[in-house]
């Protein structure tokens, strides 16, 4: 049964090595640093929100951690599978062997490595990296989530997915009412841990609005729907559009846990 979930975006720039920020101190919205612009500061805040969400997820003590992200096909990878940012011109990789992970799971694997480096590696439970075909219809996503939700008594999910990127294809700062409306719907669903609302997202919007997270979000919805009590509480840890792309960090946990 699903006991908790963390939702994070997966831009390559989330990995500090992609920005040349590796080894630099953590930043926050109010702290300025010479040579760093608003986008750099915002990405630092986003990284910290993702690491916080993952830390809270691991603190729930799951038997199995499932990392879910969009891929060219629905396939599971072992926890030590390799991923790389070479296609983005960044000489960084994680895991062992030939890089096979899609971007979503590569960034998810980076988050796990980052969290393991900050604490006891034993804090990381048995892990499965699950790719989901980015164009999989909602019914298929929900079915996959249902199967994953029964894989262990206590399941935690790290769900990697970006919101609309269509703004980035237009003039900087240009209004996009359709993308804004989509963002509001998704944020409301995550804030209230509403699996049915996520399940209702239209796959057709993936192409129209350039959304990379819908399939993974609906896998989470499928796992959450297995809970007869639907007793999950949601919280938004970050919501913003740096680089004209919508990124959101959320955390779900059992409503009785505090």
Foldseek 3Di string as FASTA:
>chain_A
DEFKEKEWAQDVVLPVLVVVCPPPDQAAPVDDDPPDDPLNRVSSLRNVLRLVQVVVLLVVPFQEEEEEFADQAWDKDALQAKAAPVVVVGGDMGGDDDHDDDRQVRRVSVSLVVNCVVDPVVSHHGYMYTYHHQLDALVVLLVLLQVQLPPGPYYYYYAYWWAFQVQLVDPPPDDDVVSVVVLVQVVVCQQAVPLVSLSPDGSVVCVVRVTGRSSSSSSNSSSCVVPPVSQKHKDWSDWDQRSNITITIMMIGGNVDD
